[in-house]
Amino acid sequence: MAGGHSDYTRGAMEIDAQSGAFSGFMSGTKYGGALIALVVLMPTLVFAVGMHWFPALIATFIFGVVLGLALKLKGGWYVSLVGLSILTAFASFLLSLLA
């Protein structure tokens, strides 16, 4: 079966599409994992540790910056981090007014 002649040459296949898909998957995994870490950290600091929401937000923001530097994330990470921090601060402020 496999003993016959073959036109296969090792390393001759175009893999641009597969390489792009793999790098996109790895990039999404890095950004998604970092975002999940921040989403878990903030409520943990507020509810389990008992921190007020504003110091917990500052600690989460600092952790997000350190995480972005450690994982070598691009500038979009920091823009998203600032935007989500402002949105969280606004929502937390409104919720604290209601309580």
N, C-alpha and C. Protein backbone atom coordinates (compact mmCIF):
# COMPACT_ATOMS: atom_id res chain seq x y z
N MET A 1 0.82 -1.19 0.00
CA MET A 1 0.00 0.00 0.00
C MET A 1 0.86 1.25 0.00
N ALA A 2 1.69 1.41 0.99
CA ALA A 2 2.48 2.62 1.09
C ALA A 2 3.85 2.45 0.47
N GLY A 3 4.13 1.31 -0.10
CA GLY A 3 5.45 1.05 -0.64
C GLY A 3 5.65 1.59 -2.04
N GLY A 4 4.61 2.09 -2.68
CA GLY A 4 4.72 2.58 -4.06
C GLY A 4 5.36 3.95 -4.15
N HIS A 5 5.50 4.43 -5.38
CA HIS A 5 6.08 5.73 -5.63
C HIS A 5 5.08 6.83 -5.25
N SER A 6 5.58 7.92 -4.67
CA SER A 6 4.73 9.03 -4.25
C SER A 6 5.34 10.34 -4.73
N ASP A 7 4.49 11.29 -5.09
CA ASP A 7 4.95 12.61 -5.51
C ASP A 7 5.09 13.57 -4.34
N TYR A 8 4.90 13.07 -3.14
CA TYR A 8 4.95 13.92 -1.95
C TYR A 8 6.38 14.35 -1.66
N THR A 9 6.55 15.66 -1.43
CA THR A 9 7.84 16.17 -0.98
C THR A 9 7.62 16.90 0.33
N ARG A 10 8.38 16.53 1.32
CA ARG A 10 8.20 17.08 2.66
C ARG A 10 8.51 18.58 2.68
N GLY A 11 7.60 19.38 3.28
CA GLY A 11 7.81 20.81 3.43
C GLY A 11 7.43 21.64 2.23
N ALA A 12 6.75 21.07 1.26
CA ALA A 12 6.42 21.82 0.04
C ALA A 12 5.00 22.38 0.06
N MET A 13 4.21 22.10 1.09
CA MET A 13 2.82 22.55 1.13
C MET A 13 2.72 23.98 1.62
N GLU A 14 1.84 24.77 1.03
CA GLU A 14 1.58 26.14 1.47
C GLU A 14 0.79 26.08 2.77
N ILE A 15 1.28 26.74 3.81
CA ILE A 15 0.60 26.69 5.11
C ILE A 15 0.27 28.09 5.62
N ASP A 16 0.16 29.05 4.74
CA ASP A 16 -0.13 30.42 5.18
C ASP A 16 -1.47 30.52 5.90
N ALA A 17 -2.50 29.85 5.35
CA ALA A 17 -3.82 29.93 5.96
C ALA A 17 -3.83 29.26 7.33
N GLN A 18 -3.19 28.10 7.45
CA GLN A 18 -3.15 27.40 8.73
C GLN A 18 -2.33 28.18 9.76
N SER A 19 -1.26 28.79 9.31
CA SER A 19 -0.42 29.57 10.20
C SER A 19 -1.17 30.80 10.71
N GLY A 20 -1.91 31.45 9.84
CA GLY A 20 -2.71 32.60 10.25
C GLY A 20 -3.82 32.22 11.21
N ALA A 21 -4.46 31.07 10.95
CA ALA A 21 -5.53 30.62 11.84
C ALA A 21 -4.97 30.28 13.23
N PHE A 22 -3.81 29.64 13.27
CA PHE A 22 -3.22 29.27 14.55
C PHE A 22 -2.79 30.51 15.33
N SER A 23 -2.17 31.47 14.66
CA SER A 23 -1.74 32.68 15.38
C SER A 23 -2.96 33.49 15.85
N GLY A 24 -4.03 33.50 15.08
CA GLY A 24 -5.26 34.16 15.52
C GLY A 24 -5.87 33.48 16.73
N PHE A 25 -5.85 32.16 16.72
CA PHE A 25 -6.37 31.40 17.86
C PHE A 25 -5.54 31.67 19.11
N MET A 26 -4.23 31.67 18.97
CA MET A 26 -3.36 31.92 20.12
C MET A 26 -3.52 33.35 20.65
N SER A 27 -3.68 34.30 19.74
CA SER A 27 -3.89 35.69 20.15
C SER A 27 -5.23 35.83 20.89
N GLY A 28 -6.26 35.21 20.37
CA GLY A 28 -7.56 35.25 21.03
C GLY A 28 -7.53 34.58 22.39
N THR A 29 -6.75 33.51 22.50
CA THR A 29 -6.62 32.82 23.77
C THR A 29 -5.91 33.70 24.79
N LYS A 30 -4.86 34.42 24.37
CA LYS A 30 -4.15 35.31 25.30
C LYS A 30 -5.06 36.43 25.79
N TYR A 31 -5.71 37.12 24.85
CA TYR A 31 -6.56 38.24 25.23
C TYR A 31 -7.77 37.77 26.04
N GLY A 32 -8.37 36.66 25.62
CA GLY A 32 -9.53 36.13 26.34
C GLY A 32 -9.20 35.67 27.73
N GLY A 33 -8.06 34.98 27.88
CA GLY A 33 -7.65 34.53 29.21
C GLY A 33 -7.33 35.69 30.14
N ALA A 34 -6.69 36.72 29.60
CA ALA A 34 -6.39 37.90 30.41
C ALA A 34 -7.67 38.61 30.83
N LEU A 35 -8.62 38.70 29.92
CA LEU A 35 -9.89 39.35 30.25
C LEU A 35 -10.67 38.56 31.29
N ILE A 36 -10.66 37.24 31.17
CA ILE A 36 -11.35 36.40 32.17
C ILE A 36 -10.70 36.57 33.54
N ALA A 37 -9.37 36.67 33.56
CA ALA A 37 -8.67 36.87 34.83
C ALA A 37 -9.12 38.17 35.50
N LEU A 38 -9.29 39.24 34.72
CA LEU A 38 -9.74 40.51 35.29
C LEU A 38 -11.19 40.46 35.73
N VAL A 39 -12.02 39.77 34.96
CA VAL A 39 -13.44 39.66 35.30
C VAL A 39 -13.62 38.85 36.58
N VAL A 40 -12.75 37.90 36.84
CA VAL A 40 -12.82 37.11 38.07
C VAL A 40 -12.20 37.88 39.24
N LEU A 41 -11.14 38.63 38.98
CA LEU A 41 -10.43 39.32 40.06
C LEU A 41 -11.28 40.41 40.73
N MET A 42 -11.95 41.22 39.96
CA MET A 42 -12.70 42.35 40.53
C MET A 42 -13.80 41.89 41.50
N PRO A 43 -14.69 40.98 41.10
CA PRO A 43 -15.70 40.53 42.07
C PRO A 43 -15.11 39.77 43.26
N THR A 44 -13.98 39.09 43.03
CA THR A 44 -13.33 38.39 44.14
C THR A 44 -12.83 39.38 45.18
N LEU A 45 -12.23 40.46 44.72
CA LEU A 45 -11.76 41.48 45.66
C LEU A 45 -12.92 42.16 46.39
N VAL A 46 -14.02 42.38 45.68
CA VAL A 46 -15.16 43.08 46.30
C VAL A 46 -15.91 42.16 47.26
N PHE A 47 -16.26 40.96 46.80
CA PHE A 47 -17.15 40.12 47.60
C PHE A 47 -16.40 39.18 48.55
N ALA A 48 -15.30 38.60 48.13
CA ALA A 48 -14.60 37.64 48.99
C ALA A 48 -13.65 38.33 49.96
N VAL A 49 -12.94 39.34 49.49
CA VAL A 49 -11.98 40.02 50.34
C VAL A 49 -12.65 41.13 51.15
N GLY A 50 -13.71 41.70 50.60
CA GLY A 50 -14.43 42.75 51.30
C GLY A 50 -13.91 44.15 51.02
N MET A 51 -13.17 44.32 49.92
CA MET A 51 -12.70 45.66 49.55
C MET A 51 -13.87 46.49 49.03
N HIS A 52 -13.74 47.80 49.17
CA HIS A 52 -14.68 48.71 48.54
C HIS A 52 -14.46 48.62 47.03
N TRP A 53 -15.45 49.01 46.24
CA TRP A 53 -15.35 48.80 44.79
C TRP A 53 -14.26 49.63 44.14
N PHE A 54 -14.00 50.84 44.65
CA PHE A 54 -13.01 51.69 43.98
C PHE A 54 -11.57 51.21 44.17
N PRO A 55 -11.14 50.84 45.38
CA PRO A 55 -9.79 50.26 45.50
C PRO A 55 -9.65 48.93 44.75
N ALA A 56 -10.74 48.16 44.69
CA ALA A 56 -10.71 46.91 43.94
C ALA A 56 -10.55 47.19 42.45
N LEU A 57 -11.19 48.25 41.97
CA LEU A 57 -11.06 48.63 40.57
C LEU A 57 -9.64 49.09 40.26
N ILE A 58 -9.03 49.84 41.15
CA ILE A 58 -7.65 50.29 40.95
C ILE A 58 -6.70 49.10 40.95
N ALA A 59 -6.89 48.18 41.88
CA ALA A 59 -6.03 46.99 41.94
C ALA A 59 -6.20 46.13 40.68
N THR A 60 -7.42 46.00 40.20
CA THR A 60 -7.68 45.23 38.99
C THR A 60 -7.06 45.92 37.78
N PHE A 61 -7.13 47.23 37.73
CA PHE A 61 -6.53 47.98 36.63
C PHE A 61 -5.01 47.80 36.62
N ILE A 62 -4.40 47.91 37.78
CA ILE A 62 -2.94 47.73 37.87
C ILE A 62 -2.56 46.31 37.47
N PHE A 63 -3.33 45.33 37.92
CA PHE A 63 -3.07 43.94 37.53
C PHE A 63 -3.23 43.77 36.02
N GLY A 64 -4.20 44.45 35.42
CA GLY A 64 -4.39 44.37 33.98
C GLY A 64 -3.22 44.96 33.21
N VAL A 65 -2.66 46.05 33.71
CA VAL A 65 -1.48 46.65 33.06
C VAL A 65 -0.28 45.71 33.18
N VAL A 66 -0.07 45.15 34.37
CA VAL A 66 1.04 44.21 34.57
C VAL A 66 0.85 42.97 33.71
N LEU A 67 -0.38 42.48 33.62
CA LEU A 67 -0.67 41.32 32.79
C LEU A 67 -0.44 41.61 31.32
N GLY A 68 -0.81 42.81 30.88
CA GLY A 68 -0.57 43.21 29.50
C GLY A 68 0.91 43.30 29.18
N LEU A 69 1.70 43.80 30.12
CA LEU A 69 3.14 43.87 29.91
C LEU A 69 3.76 42.48 29.91
N ALA A 70 3.30 41.61 30.81
CA ALA A 70 3.86 40.26 30.90
C ALA A 70 3.54 39.43 29.67
N LEU A 71 2.33 39.58 29.14
CA LEU A 71 1.94 38.81 27.95
C LEU A 71 2.27 39.51 26.64
N LYS A 72 2.85 40.71 26.73
CA LYS A 72 3.22 41.51 25.56
C LYS A 72 2.01 41.75 24.65
N LEU A 73 0.92 42.22 25.27
CA LEU A 73 -0.29 42.52 24.53
C LEU A 73 -0.15 43.87 23.84
N LYS A 74 -0.89 44.05 22.77
CA LYS A 74 -0.78 45.27 21.95
C LYS A 74 -1.55 46.42 22.59
N GLY A 75 -1.50 47.58 21.96
CA GLY A 75 -2.09 48.80 22.49
C GLY A 75 -3.59 48.73 22.67
N GLY A 76 -4.26 47.92 21.88
CA GLY A 76 -5.70 47.77 22.02
C GLY A 76 -6.10 47.23 23.38
N TRP A 77 -5.22 46.44 23.99
CA TRP A 77 -5.50 45.92 25.34
C TRP A 77 -5.60 47.05 26.33
N TYR A 78 -4.69 48.01 26.25
CA TYR A 78 -4.67 49.11 27.21
C TYR A 78 -5.83 50.07 26.98
N VAL A 79 -6.21 50.28 25.73
CA VAL A 79 -7.37 51.11 25.42
C VAL A 79 -8.63 50.45 25.97
N SER A 80 -8.75 49.15 25.75
CA SER A 80 -9.90 48.41 26.28
C SER A 80 -9.91 48.41 27.79
N LEU A 81 -8.74 48.30 28.39
CA LEU A 81 -8.63 48.30 29.84
C LEU A 81 -9.10 49.62 30.44
N VAL A 82 -8.69 50.73 29.83
CA VAL A 82 -9.13 52.04 30.31
C VAL A 82 -10.63 52.21 30.09
N GLY A 83 -11.12 51.81 28.92
CA GLY A 83 -12.55 51.94 28.64
C GLY A 83 -13.41 51.11 29.58
N LEU A 84 -13.00 49.88 29.81
CA LEU A 84 -13.76 49.03 30.73
C LEU A 84 -13.67 49.52 32.16
N SER A 85 -12.56 50.11 32.53
CA SER A 85 -12.43 50.66 33.89
C SER A 85 -13.35 51.85 34.08
N ILE A 86 -13.43 52.71 33.07
CA ILE A 86 -14.34 53.86 33.16
C ILE A 86 -15.79 53.39 33.21
N LEU A 87 -16.13 52.42 32.39
CA LEU A 87 -17.49 51.88 32.38
C LEU A 87 -17.83 51.22 33.72
N THR A 88 -16.91 50.46 34.27
CA THR A 88 -17.12 49.81 35.56
C THR A 88 -17.24 50.84 36.68
N ALA A 89 -16.41 51.88 36.64
CA ALA A 89 -16.48 52.92 37.66
C ALA A 89 -17.83 53.64 37.61
N PHE A 90 -18.29 53.94 36.41
CA PHE A 90 -19.58 54.61 36.26
C PHE A 90 -20.72 53.73 36.76
N ALA A 91 -20.72 52.45 36.37
CA ALA A 91 -21.78 51.54 36.79
C ALA A 91 -21.73 51.30 38.30
N SER A 92 -20.53 51.16 38.86
CA SER A 92 -20.40 50.95 40.30
C SER A 92 -20.83 52.18 41.08
N PHE A 93 -20.52 53.35 40.56
CA PHE A 93 -20.95 54.59 41.21
C PHE A 93 -22.48 54.69 41.24
N LEU A 94 -23.12 54.37 40.11
CA LEU A 94 -24.58 54.39 40.06
C LEU A 94 -25.19 53.38 41.00
N LEU A 95 -24.59 52.19 41.06
CA LEU A 95 -25.12 51.17 41.97
C LEU A 95 -24.92 51.55 43.44
N SER A 96 -23.83 52.21 43.75
CA SER A 96 -23.61 52.63 45.13
C SER A 96 -24.56 53.75 45.52
N LEU A 97 -25.00 54.56 44.57
CA LEU A 97 -25.99 55.58 44.87
C LEU A 97 -27.35 54.96 45.19
N LEU A 98 -27.65 53.85 44.52
CA LEU A 98 -28.94 53.19 44.74
C LEU A 98 -28.97 52.45 46.07
N ALA A 99 -27.82 52.02 46.55
CA ALA A 99 -27.79 51.21 47.78
C ALA A 99 -27.87 52.02 49.03
